[in-house]
Amino acid sequence: MSKPRETDLYPPIKSFLEEQGYVVKSEVGAVDVVAVRGCESPVVVELKLGFSLSLFHQCVARQSLTEDVYLAVPRQTGKRFAKSVKDNLKLARRLGLGMITVRLSDGLVQVHCDPGPYHPRKSKKREGALLREFARRRGDPNDGGQTRTGLVTAYRQDALKIALYLYEVGASKGADVARETDVPRATRMMADDHYGWFERVETGIYGLTPTGAAAVAESAKVLGAE
């Protein structure tokens, strides 16, 4: 099978638009595809072999000509492309662009979204979680832009407070640890032992593992300034 070309996208898109009553012409000025229906604003489609920032730049530039601007790419198989469609669909909607994929094997045209104003749906739940994490985190222990690996969260800081207490006091009852460290969920955290720092000595009493003791040595930076 020969390598796909941008021109392979044109016949299916032309037919798709003509079926909706548009007169369609290609390469009009700097535009790949222009479709006109009566006195309506023209529809513009930019053709590319894949998603790219330059494609979005090009489509945004076409919005000075008309509000009805679409980007079109060949449809592929696999989870990677499906994720790419999902991610780029969000960007297209935010920019007020339409998005089309074309299955070159049979010319199937799928419109994933039409151009239009972007109205984001805000999640109060996610906003609340973000603000709670911000409020609970002590100091500013992370470097902006770092990967998730090694990221210091409020949960980790609470775990370190517990580890510090056990390091200094020794094995203790969960209720005592929660009260003295001001970490209400201390018992649950020690029982879950997410980091391998805690061990149950007997019912309701927890101590520190060697791994937990080693973590205490790094705790000054992680806990941050009071």
N, C-alpha and C. Protein backbone atom coordinates (compact mmCIF):
# COMPACT_ATOMS: atom_id res chain seq x y z
N MET A 1 0.84 -1.19 0.00
CA MET A 1 0.00 0.00 0.00
C MET A 1 0.88 1.25 0.00
N SER A 2 0.58 2.19 -0.88
CA SER A 2 1.37 3.41 -0.97
C SER A 2 1.12 4.30 0.24
N LYS A 3 2.09 5.15 0.51
CA LYS A 3 1.98 6.04 1.65
C LYS A 3 0.88 7.07 1.42
N PRO A 4 0.01 7.30 2.41
CA PRO A 4 -1.09 8.26 2.23
C PRO A 4 -0.56 9.66 1.92
N ARG A 5 -1.34 10.40 1.15
CA ARG A 5 -1.03 11.79 0.85
C ARG A 5 -2.20 12.67 1.29
N GLU A 6 -1.92 13.93 1.52
CA GLU A 6 -2.99 14.85 1.91
C GLU A 6 -4.09 14.89 0.86
N THR A 7 -3.72 14.75 -0.40
CA THR A 7 -4.73 14.79 -1.48
C THR A 7 -5.70 13.61 -1.40
N ASP A 8 -5.31 12.53 -0.69
CA ASP A 8 -6.22 11.39 -0.54
C ASP A 8 -7.43 11.73 0.33
N LEU A 9 -7.28 12.76 1.15
CA LEU A 9 -8.38 13.16 2.03
C LEU A 9 -9.45 13.94 1.29
N TYR A 10 -9.06 14.56 0.19
CA TYR A 10 -9.97 15.49 -0.47
C TYR A 10 -11.23 14.85 -1.07
N PRO A 11 -11.12 13.76 -1.86
CA PRO A 11 -12.34 13.21 -2.46
C PRO A 11 -13.43 12.83 -1.45
N PRO A 12 -13.08 12.12 -0.34
CA PRO A 12 -14.14 11.79 0.63
C PRO A 12 -14.77 13.03 1.27
N ILE A 13 -13.96 14.03 1.58
CA ILE A 13 -14.49 15.24 2.20
C ILE A 13 -15.33 16.02 1.21
N LYS A 14 -14.88 16.09 -0.02
CA LYS A 14 -15.66 16.78 -1.07
C LYS A 14 -17.03 16.13 -1.22
N SER A 15 -17.05 14.79 -1.30
CA SER A 15 -18.33 14.08 -1.44
C SER A 15 -19.22 14.29 -0.22
N PHE A 16 -18.62 14.25 0.96
CA PHE A 16 -19.37 14.43 2.20
C PHE A 16 -20.05 15.80 2.22
N LEU A 17 -19.34 16.83 1.84
CA LEU A 17 -19.90 18.18 1.85
C LEU A 17 -20.91 18.39 0.73
N GLU A 18 -20.64 17.80 -0.41
CA GLU A 18 -21.58 17.93 -1.54
C GLU A 18 -22.92 17.28 -1.21
N GLU A 19 -22.90 16.19 -0.46
CA GLU A 19 -24.14 15.53 -0.06
C GLU A 19 -24.99 16.43 0.83
N GLN A 20 -24.35 17.44 1.46
CA GLN A 20 -25.08 18.37 2.31
C GLN A 20 -25.42 19.67 1.58
N GLY A 21 -25.25 19.66 0.26
CA GLY A 21 -25.67 20.80 -0.53
C GLY A 21 -24.61 21.86 -0.76
N TYR A 22 -23.36 21.58 -0.44
CA TYR A 22 -22.29 22.55 -0.64
C TYR A 22 -21.68 22.42 -2.03
N VAL A 23 -21.23 23.54 -2.57
CA VAL A 23 -20.35 23.53 -3.74
C VAL A 23 -18.93 23.58 -3.19
N VAL A 24 -18.10 22.63 -3.61
CA VAL A 24 -16.79 22.45 -2.99
C VAL A 24 -15.67 22.63 -4.01
N LYS A 25 -14.66 23.40 -3.62
CA LYS A 25 -13.49 23.60 -4.46
C LYS A 25 -12.24 23.53 -3.60
N SER A 26 -11.15 23.07 -4.21
CA SER A 26 -9.90 22.92 -3.46
C SER A 26 -8.89 23.98 -3.86
N GLU A 27 -7.93 24.19 -2.91
CA GLU A 27 -6.81 25.10 -3.14
C GLU A 27 -7.28 26.46 -3.63
N VAL A 28 -8.16 27.06 -2.87
CA VAL A 28 -8.64 28.41 -3.16
C VAL A 28 -7.81 29.37 -2.32
N GLY A 29 -6.96 30.16 -2.94
CA GLY A 29 -6.02 30.98 -2.19
C GLY A 29 -5.10 30.07 -1.40
N ALA A 30 -4.97 30.32 -0.11
CA ALA A 30 -4.10 29.51 0.75
C ALA A 30 -4.86 28.39 1.44
N VAL A 31 -6.15 28.23 1.12
CA VAL A 31 -7.02 27.28 1.83
C VAL A 31 -7.09 25.95 1.07
N ASP A 32 -7.01 24.85 1.81
CA ASP A 32 -7.07 23.52 1.19
C ASP A 32 -8.43 23.24 0.57
N VAL A 33 -9.49 23.45 1.35
CA VAL A 33 -10.85 23.14 0.89
C VAL A 33 -11.79 24.27 1.29
N VAL A 34 -12.59 24.73 0.33
CA VAL A 34 -13.62 25.74 0.61
C VAL A 34 -14.95 25.19 0.12
N ALA A 35 -15.97 25.26 0.99
CA ALA A 35 -17.32 24.81 0.64
C ALA A 35 -18.30 25.95 0.87
N VAL A 36 -19.16 26.18 -0.13
CA VAL A 36 -20.13 27.28 -0.05
C VAL A 36 -21.53 26.73 -0.31
N ARG A 37 -22.49 27.19 0.51
CA ARG A 37 -23.89 26.77 0.35
C ARG A 37 -24.77 28.01 0.45
N GLY A 38 -25.30 28.43 -0.68
CA GLY A 38 -26.18 29.60 -0.69
C GLY A 38 -25.47 30.84 -0.18
N CYS A 39 -26.17 31.54 0.71
CA CYS A 39 -25.63 32.78 1.27
C CYS A 39 -24.93 32.56 2.62
N GLU A 40 -24.75 31.31 3.00
CA GLU A 40 -24.10 31.01 4.28
C GLU A 40 -22.62 31.34 4.25
N SER A 41 -22.02 31.49 5.42
CA SER A 41 -20.59 31.69 5.51
C SER A 41 -19.87 30.46 4.97
N PRO A 42 -18.73 30.65 4.31
CA PRO A 42 -18.02 29.49 3.76
C PRO A 42 -17.51 28.56 4.85
N VAL A 43 -17.38 27.31 4.50
CA VAL A 43 -16.77 26.30 5.37
C VAL A 43 -15.37 26.04 4.83
N VAL A 44 -14.40 26.07 5.72
CA VAL A 44 -13.00 25.86 5.36
C VAL A 44 -12.49 24.59 6.03
N VAL A 45 -11.77 23.77 5.29
CA VAL A 45 -11.18 22.54 5.84
C VAL A 45 -9.70 22.51 5.49
N GLU A 46 -8.88 22.32 6.50
CA GLU A 46 -7.44 22.17 6.28
C GLU A 46 -7.07 20.69 6.43
N LEU A 47 -6.35 20.17 5.44
CA LEU A 47 -6.01 18.76 5.38
C LEU A 47 -4.57 18.51 5.81
N LYS A 48 -4.38 17.53 6.69
CA LYS A 48 -3.03 17.14 7.11
C LYS A 48 -3.01 15.64 7.37
N LEU A 49 -1.81 15.06 7.35
CA LEU A 49 -1.67 13.63 7.57
C LEU A 49 -1.61 13.26 9.05
N GLY A 50 -1.60 14.24 9.92
CA GLY A 50 -1.60 13.97 11.35
C GLY A 50 -1.77 15.25 12.14
N PHE A 51 -2.08 15.09 13.42
CA PHE A 51 -2.25 16.25 14.29
C PHE A 51 -0.88 16.89 14.55
N SER A 52 -0.86 18.21 14.57
CA SER A 52 0.36 18.93 14.88
C SER A 52 0.00 20.34 15.32
N LEU A 53 0.93 20.97 16.01
CA LEU A 53 0.70 22.35 16.44
C LEU A 53 0.56 23.27 15.24
N SER A 54 1.33 23.01 14.18
CA SER A 54 1.25 23.86 12.99
C SER A 54 -0.12 23.77 12.34
N LEU A 55 -0.76 22.60 12.42
CA LEU A 55 -2.11 22.45 11.87
C LEU A 55 -3.09 23.33 12.63
N PHE A 56 -2.97 23.35 13.94
CA PHE A 56 -3.86 24.20 14.73
C PHE A 56 -3.57 25.68 14.46
N HIS A 57 -2.29 26.02 14.33
CA HIS A 57 -1.95 27.40 13.99
C HIS A 57 -2.59 27.81 12.67
N GLN A 58 -2.52 26.92 11.70
CA GLN A 58 -3.08 27.19 10.38
C GLN A 58 -4.59 27.39 10.45
N CYS A 59 -5.24 26.53 11.21
CA CYS A 59 -6.70 26.63 11.32
C CYS A 59 -7.13 27.90 12.06
N VAL A 60 -6.39 28.26 13.09
CA VAL A 60 -6.69 29.50 13.81
C VAL A 60 -6.55 30.70 12.87
N ALA A 61 -5.53 30.67 12.01
CA ALA A 61 -5.36 31.75 11.04
C ALA A 61 -6.55 31.83 10.09
N ARG A 62 -7.14 30.68 9.75
CA ARG A 62 -8.29 30.67 8.82
C ARG A 62 -9.56 31.25 9.47
N GLN A 63 -9.56 31.35 10.79
CA GLN A 63 -10.73 31.92 11.46
C GLN A 63 -10.90 33.41 11.15
N SER A 64 -9.89 34.03 10.57
CA SER A 64 -10.06 35.42 10.12
C SER A 64 -10.89 35.49 8.84
N LEU A 65 -11.09 34.32 8.20
CA LEU A 65 -11.88 34.26 6.97
C LEU A 65 -13.32 33.84 7.25
N THR A 66 -13.50 32.92 8.19
CA THR A 66 -14.82 32.39 8.49
C THR A 66 -14.81 31.74 9.87
N GLU A 67 -15.97 31.64 10.49
CA GLU A 67 -16.07 30.97 11.78
C GLU A 67 -16.09 29.45 11.64
N ASP A 68 -16.41 28.98 10.43
CA ASP A 68 -16.58 27.54 10.22
C ASP A 68 -15.30 26.92 9.65
N VAL A 69 -14.37 26.62 10.55
CA VAL A 69 -13.08 26.06 10.15
C VAL A 69 -12.92 24.66 10.75
N TYR A 70 -12.57 23.71 9.90
CA TYR A 70 -12.35 22.33 10.33
C TYR A 70 -10.91 21.91 10.02
N LEU A 71 -10.38 21.02 10.84
CA LEU A 71 -9.13 20.34 10.52
C LEU A 71 -9.48 18.89 10.22
N ALA A 72 -8.77 18.29 9.28
CA ALA A 72 -9.07 16.91 8.88
C ALA A 72 -7.78 16.11 8.78
N VAL A 73 -7.80 14.89 9.37
CA VAL A 73 -6.64 13.99 9.32
C VAL A 73 -7.13 12.58 9.02
N PRO A 74 -6.26 11.71 8.49
CA PRO A 74 -6.65 10.32 8.26
C PRO A 74 -6.92 9.60 9.57
N ARG A 75 -7.93 8.76 9.56
CA ARG A 75 -8.24 7.97 10.75
C ARG A 75 -7.33 6.75 10.78
N GLN A 76 -6.79 6.46 11.97
CA GLN A 76 -5.93 5.30 12.15
C GLN A 76 -6.55 4.36 13.17
N THR A 77 -5.93 3.21 13.33
CA THR A 77 -6.41 2.23 14.30
C THR A 77 -5.51 2.26 15.53
N GLY A 78 -5.99 1.67 16.59
CA GLY A 78 -5.18 1.53 17.79
C GLY A 78 -5.50 2.54 18.87
N LYS A 79 -5.10 2.18 20.09
CA LYS A 79 -5.38 3.01 21.26
C LYS A 79 -4.63 4.33 21.22
N ARG A 80 -3.45 4.31 20.66
CA ARG A 80 -2.64 5.54 20.63
C ARG A 80 -3.35 6.62 19.82
N PHE A 81 -3.90 6.24 18.67
CA PHE A 81 -4.60 7.23 17.86
C PHE A 81 -5.90 7.66 18.53
N ALA A 82 -6.58 6.72 19.16
CA ALA A 82 -7.82 7.05 19.86
C ALA A 82 -7.57 8.08 20.95
N LYS A 83 -6.47 7.94 21.67
CA LYS A 83 -6.11 8.91 22.70
C LYS A 83 -5.75 10.25 22.07
N SER A 84 -5.06 10.19 20.93
CA SER A 84 -4.70 11.43 20.23
C SER A 84 -5.94 12.18 19.79
N VAL A 85 -6.94 11.46 19.31
CA VAL A 85 -8.21 12.09 18.91
C VAL A 85 -8.85 12.77 20.12
N LYS A 86 -8.89 12.06 21.23
CA LYS A 86 -9.51 12.59 22.44
C LYS A 86 -8.82 13.86 22.92
N ASP A 87 -7.47 13.83 22.94
CA ASP A 87 -6.71 14.99 23.41
C ASP A 87 -6.85 16.18 22.47
N ASN A 88 -6.76 15.92 21.17
CA ASN A 88 -6.84 17.01 20.20
C ASN A 88 -8.26 17.53 20.03
N LEU A 89 -9.24 16.69 20.35
CA LEU A 89 -10.62 17.15 20.32
C LEU A 89 -10.85 18.23 21.36
N LYS A 90 -10.26 18.05 22.53
CA LYS A 90 -10.38 19.07 23.58
C LYS A 90 -9.78 20.38 23.12
N LEU A 91 -8.62 20.31 22.46
CA LEU A 91 -7.97 21.52 21.98
C LEU A 91 -8.79 22.18 20.88
N ALA A 92 -9.31 21.36 19.96
CA ALA A 92 -10.13 21.91 18.88
C ALA A 92 -11.35 22.65 19.42
N ARG A 93 -12.02 22.05 20.38
CA ARG A 93 -13.20 22.69 20.97
C ARG A 93 -12.83 23.99 21.67
N ARG A 94 -11.71 23.98 22.38
CA ARG A 94 -11.28 25.19 23.10
C ARG A 94 -11.00 26.32 22.11
N LEU A 95 -10.48 25.98 20.93
CA LEU A 95 -10.14 26.99 19.93
C LEU A 95 -11.31 27.33 19.01
N GLY A 96 -12.44 26.65 19.20
CA GLY A 96 -13.60 26.92 18.36
C GLY A 96 -13.50 26.31 16.99
N LEU A 97 -12.72 25.24 16.85
CA LEU A 97 -12.53 24.58 15.56
C LEU A 97 -13.34 23.30 15.47
N GLY A 98 -13.64 22.89 14.23
CA GLY A 98 -14.24 21.59 14.01
C GLY A 98 -13.15 20.56 13.72
N MET A 99 -13.45 19.28 13.96
CA MET A 99 -12.46 18.24 13.72
C MET A 99 -13.06 17.07 12.98
N ILE A 100 -12.36 16.61 11.93
CA ILE A 100 -12.83 15.53 11.07
C ILE A 100 -11.73 14.48 10.95
N THR A 101 -12.13 13.20 10.94
CA THR A 101 -11.20 12.14 10.55
C THR A 101 -11.79 11.42 9.34
N VAL A 102 -10.88 10.92 8.52
CA VAL A 102 -11.28 10.22 7.29
C VAL A 102 -10.64 8.85 7.26
N ARG A 103 -11.47 7.81 7.14
CA ARG A 103 -10.94 6.46 7.00
C ARG A 103 -10.66 6.22 5.52
N LEU A 104 -9.40 6.21 5.18
CA LEU A 104 -9.02 6.18 3.77
C LEU A 104 -9.37 4.86 3.09
N SER A 105 -9.51 3.79 3.85
CA SER A 105 -9.82 2.49 3.24
C SER A 105 -11.16 2.48 2.54
N ASP A 106 -12.13 3.23 3.08
CA ASP A 106 -13.46 3.26 2.45
C ASP A 106 -14.04 4.66 2.33
N GLY A 107 -13.26 5.68 2.72
CA GLY A 107 -13.72 7.06 2.57
C GLY A 107 -14.72 7.52 3.61
N LEU A 108 -14.83 6.79 4.73
CA LEU A 108 -15.78 7.18 5.77
C LEU A 108 -15.30 8.48 6.43
N VAL A 109 -16.18 9.48 6.45
CA VAL A 109 -15.88 10.77 7.08
C VAL A 109 -16.62 10.85 8.41
N GLN A 110 -15.89 11.14 9.47
CA GLN A 110 -16.51 11.30 10.79
C GLN A 110 -16.21 12.68 11.33
N VAL A 111 -17.27 13.42 11.65
CA VAL A 111 -17.13 14.75 12.24
C VAL A 111 -17.16 14.58 13.76
N HIS A 112 -16.06 14.86 14.41
CA HIS A 112 -15.97 14.67 15.86
C HIS A 112 -16.52 15.89 16.62
N CYS A 113 -16.40 17.06 16.03
CA CYS A 113 -17.01 18.24 16.62
C CYS A 113 -17.13 19.32 15.54
N ASP A 114 -18.11 20.20 15.71
CA ASP A 114 -18.31 21.33 14.80
C ASP A 114 -17.74 22.58 15.44
N PRO A 115 -17.38 23.58 14.64
CA PRO A 115 -16.89 24.83 15.21
C PRO A 115 -17.95 25.50 16.07
N GLY A 116 -17.52 26.17 17.10
CA GLY A 116 -18.47 26.88 17.96
C GLY A 116 -17.77 27.43 19.19
N PRO A 117 -18.45 28.30 19.90
CA PRO A 117 -17.87 28.89 21.13
C PRO A 117 -17.55 27.80 22.15
N TYR A 118 -16.48 28.02 22.89
CA TYR A 118 -16.07 27.04 23.89
C TYR A 118 -16.64 27.41 25.25
N HIS A 119 -17.37 26.46 25.85
CA HIS A 119 -17.96 26.67 27.17
C HIS A 119 -17.51 25.53 28.09
N PRO A 120 -16.37 25.68 28.75
CA PRO A 120 -15.85 24.60 29.58
C PRO A 120 -16.76 24.29 30.76
N ARG A 121 -16.87 23.01 31.07
CA ARG A 121 -17.63 22.59 32.25
C ARG A 121 -16.66 22.43 33.41
N LYS A 122 -16.80 23.30 34.39
CA LYS A 122 -15.89 23.25 35.52
C LYS A 122 -16.38 22.23 36.55
N SER A 123 -15.43 21.55 37.14
CA SER A 123 -15.73 20.53 38.14
C SER A 123 -15.47 21.08 39.53
N LYS A 124 -16.53 21.30 40.30
CA LYS A 124 -16.37 21.76 41.67
C LYS A 124 -15.65 20.72 42.51
N LYS A 125 -15.87 19.46 42.18
CA LYS A 125 -15.22 18.38 42.93
C LYS A 125 -13.71 18.44 42.74
N ARG A 126 -13.27 18.60 41.50
CA ARG A 126 -11.83 18.66 41.23
C ARG A 126 -11.22 19.94 41.80
N GLU A 127 -11.97 21.03 41.70
CA GLU A 127 -11.47 22.28 42.26
C GLU A 127 -11.29 22.15 43.76
N GLY A 128 -12.26 21.52 44.42
CA GLY A 128 -12.18 21.32 45.86
C GLY A 128 -10.98 20.46 46.25
N ALA A 129 -10.75 19.38 45.47
CA ALA A 129 -9.61 18.50 45.75
C ALA A 129 -8.29 19.25 45.59
N LEU A 130 -8.22 20.10 44.56
CA LEU A 130 -7.01 20.89 44.33
C LEU A 130 -6.73 21.83 45.49
N LEU A 131 -7.78 22.52 45.95
CA LEU A 131 -7.60 23.49 47.03
C LEU A 131 -7.31 22.80 48.36
N ARG A 132 -7.89 21.61 48.57
CA ARG A 132 -7.60 20.87 49.80
C ARG A 132 -6.15 20.42 49.83
N GLU A 133 -5.65 19.94 48.70
CA GLU A 133 -4.25 19.53 48.62
C GLU A 133 -3.34 20.73 48.84
N PHE A 134 -3.69 21.86 48.25
CA PHE A 134 -2.89 23.08 48.42
C PHE A 134 -2.83 23.49 49.89
N ALA A 135 -4.00 23.45 50.56
CA ALA A 135 -4.06 23.88 51.96
C ALA A 135 -3.31 22.94 52.89
N ARG A 136 -3.34 21.65 52.61
CA ARG A 136 -2.73 20.67 53.49
C ARG A 136 -1.22 20.56 53.30
N ARG A 137 -0.75 20.92 52.11
CA ARG A 137 0.68 20.77 51.86
C ARG A 137 1.48 21.79 52.65
N ARG A 138 2.56 21.35 53.27
CA ARG A 138 3.39 22.22 54.11
C ARG A 138 4.60 22.66 53.31
N GLY A 139 4.82 23.99 53.25
CA GLY A 139 5.92 24.51 52.47
C GLY A 139 5.70 24.30 50.98
N ASP A 140 6.78 24.35 50.22
CA ASP A 140 6.73 24.18 48.77
C ASP A 140 7.88 23.25 48.37
N PRO A 141 7.73 21.93 48.64
CA PRO A 141 8.87 21.01 48.52
C PRO A 141 9.19 20.54 47.11
N ASN A 142 8.32 20.81 46.13
CA ASN A 142 8.54 20.31 44.78
C ASN A 142 9.08 21.40 43.86
N ASP A 143 9.71 20.96 42.76
CA ASP A 143 10.16 21.88 41.72
C ASP A 143 9.10 21.92 40.64
N GLY A 144 8.64 23.13 40.29
CA GLY A 144 7.61 23.26 39.27
C GLY A 144 8.06 22.62 37.96
N GLY A 145 7.21 21.76 37.39
CA GLY A 145 7.52 21.11 36.13
C GLY A 145 8.13 19.73 36.27
N GLN A 146 8.41 19.27 37.50
CA GLN A 146 9.01 17.95 37.66
C GLN A 146 8.00 16.86 37.34
N THR A 147 8.52 15.66 37.07
CA THR A 147 7.64 14.53 36.79
C THR A 147 6.95 14.08 38.06
N ARG A 148 5.96 13.19 37.90
CA ARG A 148 5.22 12.71 39.07
C ARG A 148 6.09 11.86 39.99
N THR A 149 7.16 11.27 39.43
CA THR A 149 8.05 10.44 40.23
C THR A 149 8.73 11.27 41.31
N GLY A 150 8.59 10.84 42.55
CA GLY A 150 9.22 11.55 43.64
C GLY A 150 8.47 12.79 44.10
N LEU A 151 7.28 13.01 43.57
CA LEU A 151 6.51 14.20 43.93
C LEU A 151 6.07 14.11 45.39
N VAL A 152 6.24 15.21 46.11
CA VAL A 152 5.85 15.26 47.52
C VAL A 152 4.42 15.78 47.62
N THR A 153 3.53 14.94 48.15
CA THR A 153 2.13 15.32 48.33
C THR A 153 1.85 15.56 49.81
N ALA A 154 0.67 16.10 50.07
CA ALA A 154 0.26 16.30 51.46
C ALA A 154 0.17 14.95 52.18
N TYR A 155 -0.25 13.90 51.47
CA TYR A 155 -0.33 12.56 52.06
C TYR A 155 1.06 12.10 52.52
N ARG A 156 2.05 12.32 51.66
CA ARG A 156 3.41 11.91 52.02
C ARG A 156 3.92 12.71 53.21
N GLN A 157 3.61 14.00 53.24
CA GLN A 157 4.03 14.82 54.38
C GLN A 157 3.39 14.35 55.66
N ASP A 158 2.10 13.97 55.62
CA ASP A 158 1.44 13.43 56.81
C ASP A 158 2.11 12.12 57.25
N ALA A 159 2.46 11.28 56.26
CA ALA A 159 3.10 10.00 56.58
C ALA A 159 4.46 10.25 57.25
N LEU A 160 5.15 11.28 56.81
CA LEU A 160 6.44 11.60 57.42
C LEU A 160 6.28 12.14 58.84
N LYS A 161 5.21 12.89 59.08
CA LYS A 161 4.94 13.36 60.44
C LYS A 161 4.74 12.16 61.37
N ILE A 162 4.03 11.17 60.88
CA ILE A 162 3.80 9.95 61.67
C ILE A 162 5.12 9.22 61.90
N ALA A 163 5.92 9.11 60.81
CA ALA A 163 7.19 8.41 60.92
C ALA A 163 8.12 9.11 61.91
N LEU A 164 8.15 10.42 61.90
CA LEU A 164 8.98 11.19 62.84
C LEU A 164 8.56 10.93 64.29
N TYR A 165 7.25 10.88 64.49
CA TYR A 165 6.74 10.64 65.85
C TYR A 165 7.15 9.25 66.33
N LEU A 166 6.98 8.24 65.49
CA LEU A 166 7.33 6.88 65.87
C LEU A 166 8.84 6.74 66.06
N TYR A 167 9.62 7.48 65.29
CA TYR A 167 11.07 7.44 65.41
C TYR A 167 11.51 7.97 66.78
N GLU A 168 10.83 8.99 67.24
CA GLU A 168 11.19 9.63 68.50
C GLU A 168 10.59 8.93 69.71
N VAL A 169 9.36 8.42 69.57
CA VAL A 169 8.62 7.87 70.72
C VAL A 169 8.66 6.35 70.75
N GLY A 170 8.73 5.72 69.59
CA GLY A 170 8.64 4.28 69.52
C GLY A 170 7.23 3.83 69.16
N ALA A 171 7.02 2.53 69.11
CA ALA A 171 5.72 1.97 68.75
C ALA A 171 4.62 2.57 69.62
N SER A 172 3.52 2.93 68.98
CA SER A 172 2.46 3.64 69.70
C SER A 172 1.08 3.23 69.18
N LYS A 173 0.07 3.53 70.00
CA LYS A 173 -1.30 3.31 69.60
C LYS A 173 -1.68 4.30 68.50
N GLY A 174 -2.51 3.84 67.58
CA GLY A 174 -2.94 4.70 66.49
C GLY A 174 -3.61 5.98 66.97
N ALA A 175 -4.45 5.87 68.00
CA ALA A 175 -5.15 7.04 68.52
C ALA A 175 -4.17 8.07 69.07
N ASP A 176 -3.11 7.59 69.74
CA ASP A 176 -2.11 8.51 70.28
C ASP A 176 -1.34 9.21 69.16
N VAL A 177 -0.99 8.45 68.13
CA VAL A 177 -0.27 9.03 66.99
C VAL A 177 -1.12 10.10 66.31
N ALA A 178 -2.40 9.80 66.12
CA ALA A 178 -3.30 10.76 65.46
C ALA A 178 -3.40 12.05 66.27
N ARG A 179 -3.50 11.90 67.58
CA ARG A 179 -3.64 13.08 68.44
C ARG A 179 -2.35 13.91 68.48
N GLU A 180 -1.23 13.28 68.63
CA GLU A 180 0.03 13.99 68.81
C GLU A 180 0.58 14.59 67.51
N THR A 181 0.25 13.98 66.39
CA THR A 181 0.75 14.48 65.10
C THR A 181 -0.25 15.38 64.39
N ASP A 182 -1.49 15.42 64.92
CA ASP A 182 -2.56 16.18 64.27
C ASP A 182 -2.84 15.64 62.86
N VAL A 183 -2.75 14.32 62.73
CA VAL A 183 -3.10 13.63 61.48
C VAL A 183 -4.26 12.70 61.81
N PRO A 184 -5.51 13.13 61.62
CA PRO A 184 -6.68 12.36 62.03
C PRO A 184 -6.73 10.94 61.47
N ARG A 185 -6.21 10.75 60.28
CA ARG A 185 -6.29 9.41 59.65
C ARG A 185 -5.01 8.60 59.87
N ALA A 186 -4.27 8.89 60.90
CA ALA A 186 -2.98 8.23 61.13
C ALA A 186 -3.11 6.71 61.20
N THR A 187 -4.11 6.22 61.93
CA THR A 187 -4.26 4.77 62.07
C THR A 187 -4.48 4.10 60.72
N ARG A 188 -5.34 4.67 59.91
CA ARG A 188 -5.61 4.12 58.58
C ARG A 188 -4.36 4.17 57.71
N MET A 189 -3.61 5.26 57.80
CA MET A 189 -2.40 5.38 56.98
C MET A 189 -1.36 4.35 57.39
N MET A 190 -1.21 4.12 58.68
CA MET A 190 -0.24 3.11 59.14
C MET A 190 -0.69 1.71 58.75
N ALA A 191 -1.99 1.48 58.80
CA ALA A 191 -2.51 0.16 58.41
C ALA A 191 -2.33 -0.08 56.91
N ASP A 192 -2.59 0.95 56.11
CA ASP A 192 -2.44 0.82 54.65
C ASP A 192 -0.97 0.69 54.27
N ASP A 193 -0.08 1.36 55.02
CA ASP A 193 1.37 1.28 54.83
C ASP A 193 1.75 1.45 53.35
N HIS A 194 1.34 2.56 52.78
CA HIS A 194 1.55 2.82 51.35
C HIS A 194 3.03 2.86 50.97
N TYR A 195 3.88 3.35 51.87
CA TYR A 195 5.31 3.51 51.55
C TYR A 195 6.20 2.42 52.15
N GLY A 196 5.62 1.52 52.92
CA GLY A 196 6.44 0.48 53.56
C GLY A 196 7.18 0.98 54.78
N TRP A 197 6.65 2.03 55.41
CA TRP A 197 7.33 2.65 56.55
C TRP A 197 6.84 2.12 57.90
N PHE A 198 5.66 1.51 57.94
CA PHE A 198 5.04 1.16 59.21
C PHE A 198 4.80 -0.35 59.32
N GLU A 199 4.77 -0.82 60.53
CA GLU A 199 4.44 -2.23 60.76
C GLU A 199 3.59 -2.34 62.03
N ARG A 200 2.66 -3.27 62.01
CA ARG A 200 1.80 -3.47 63.18
C ARG A 200 2.52 -4.36 64.17
N VAL A 201 2.77 -3.82 65.35
CA VAL A 201 3.46 -4.57 66.40
C VAL A 201 2.47 -5.50 67.10
N GLU A 202 1.31 -4.98 67.40
CA GLU A 202 0.19 -5.76 67.92
C GLU A 202 -1.08 -4.99 67.61
N THR A 203 -2.21 -5.54 67.99
CA THR A 203 -3.48 -4.91 67.63
C THR A 203 -3.53 -3.46 68.06
N GLY A 204 -3.70 -2.57 67.07
CA GLY A 204 -3.84 -1.15 67.34
C GLY A 204 -2.55 -0.41 67.61
N ILE A 205 -1.42 -1.11 67.62
CA ILE A 205 -0.13 -0.48 67.91
C ILE A 205 0.81 -0.65 66.71
N TYR A 206 1.43 0.44 66.31
CA TYR A 206 2.29 0.42 65.12
C TYR A 206 3.67 0.97 65.44
N GLY A 207 4.65 0.41 64.72
CA GLY A 207 6.02 0.87 64.86
C GLY A 207 6.59 1.25 63.50
N LEU A 208 7.88 1.61 63.49
CA LEU A 208 8.55 2.09 62.29
C LEU A 208 9.44 0.99 61.71
N THR A 209 9.41 0.80 60.41
CA THR A 209 10.29 -0.15 59.73
C THR A 209 11.63 0.52 59.43
N PRO A 210 12.67 -0.25 59.08
CA PRO A 210 13.94 0.36 58.67
C PRO A 210 13.78 1.33 57.50
N THR A 211 12.87 1.01 56.59
CA THR A 211 12.62 1.91 55.46
C THR A 211 12.05 3.23 55.96
N GLY A 212 11.17 3.14 56.95
CA GLY A 212 10.60 4.36 57.52
C GLY A 212 11.64 5.18 58.24
N ALA A 213 12.54 4.50 58.94
CA ALA A 213 13.60 5.22 59.65
C ALA A 213 14.50 5.96 58.66
N ALA A 214 14.78 5.32 57.52
CA ALA A 214 15.61 5.96 56.50
C ALA A 214 14.91 7.19 55.93
N ALA A 215 13.58 7.10 55.80
CA ALA A 215 12.82 8.22 55.26
C ALA A 215 12.86 9.43 56.18
N VAL A 216 12.96 9.17 57.46
CA VAL A 216 13.01 10.27 58.44
C VAL A 216 14.22 11.16 58.19
N ALA A 217 15.31 10.56 57.73
CA ALA A 217 16.53 11.34 57.49
C ALA A 217 16.34 12.39 56.41
N GLU A 218 15.39 12.16 55.52
CA GLU A 218 15.13 13.11 54.44
C GLU A 218 13.96 14.03 54.75
N SER A 219 13.41 13.91 55.92
CA SER A 219 12.15 14.58 56.21
C SER A 219 12.26 16.09 56.36
N ALA A 220 13.39 16.62 56.73
CA ALA A 220 13.50 18.06 56.94
C ALA A 220 13.14 18.83 55.69
N LYS A 221 13.64 18.42 54.54
CA LYS A 221 13.33 19.10 53.28
C LYS A 221 11.88 18.90 52.89
N VAL A 222 11.40 17.64 53.05
CA VAL A 222 10.06 17.30 52.59
C VAL A 222 8.98 18.03 53.37
N LEU A 223 9.15 18.12 54.69
CA LEU A 223 8.13 18.75 55.50
C LEU A 223 8.10 20.25 55.30
N GLY A 224 9.17 20.85 54.89
CA GLY A 224 9.18 22.27 54.58
C GLY A 224 9.14 23.13 55.82
N ALA A 225 9.09 24.43 55.55
CA ALA A 225 9.04 25.39 56.67
C ALA A 225 7.69 25.38 57.31
N GLU A 226 7.68 25.58 58.61
CA GLU A 226 6.40 25.66 59.34
C GLU A 226 5.71 26.97 59.06
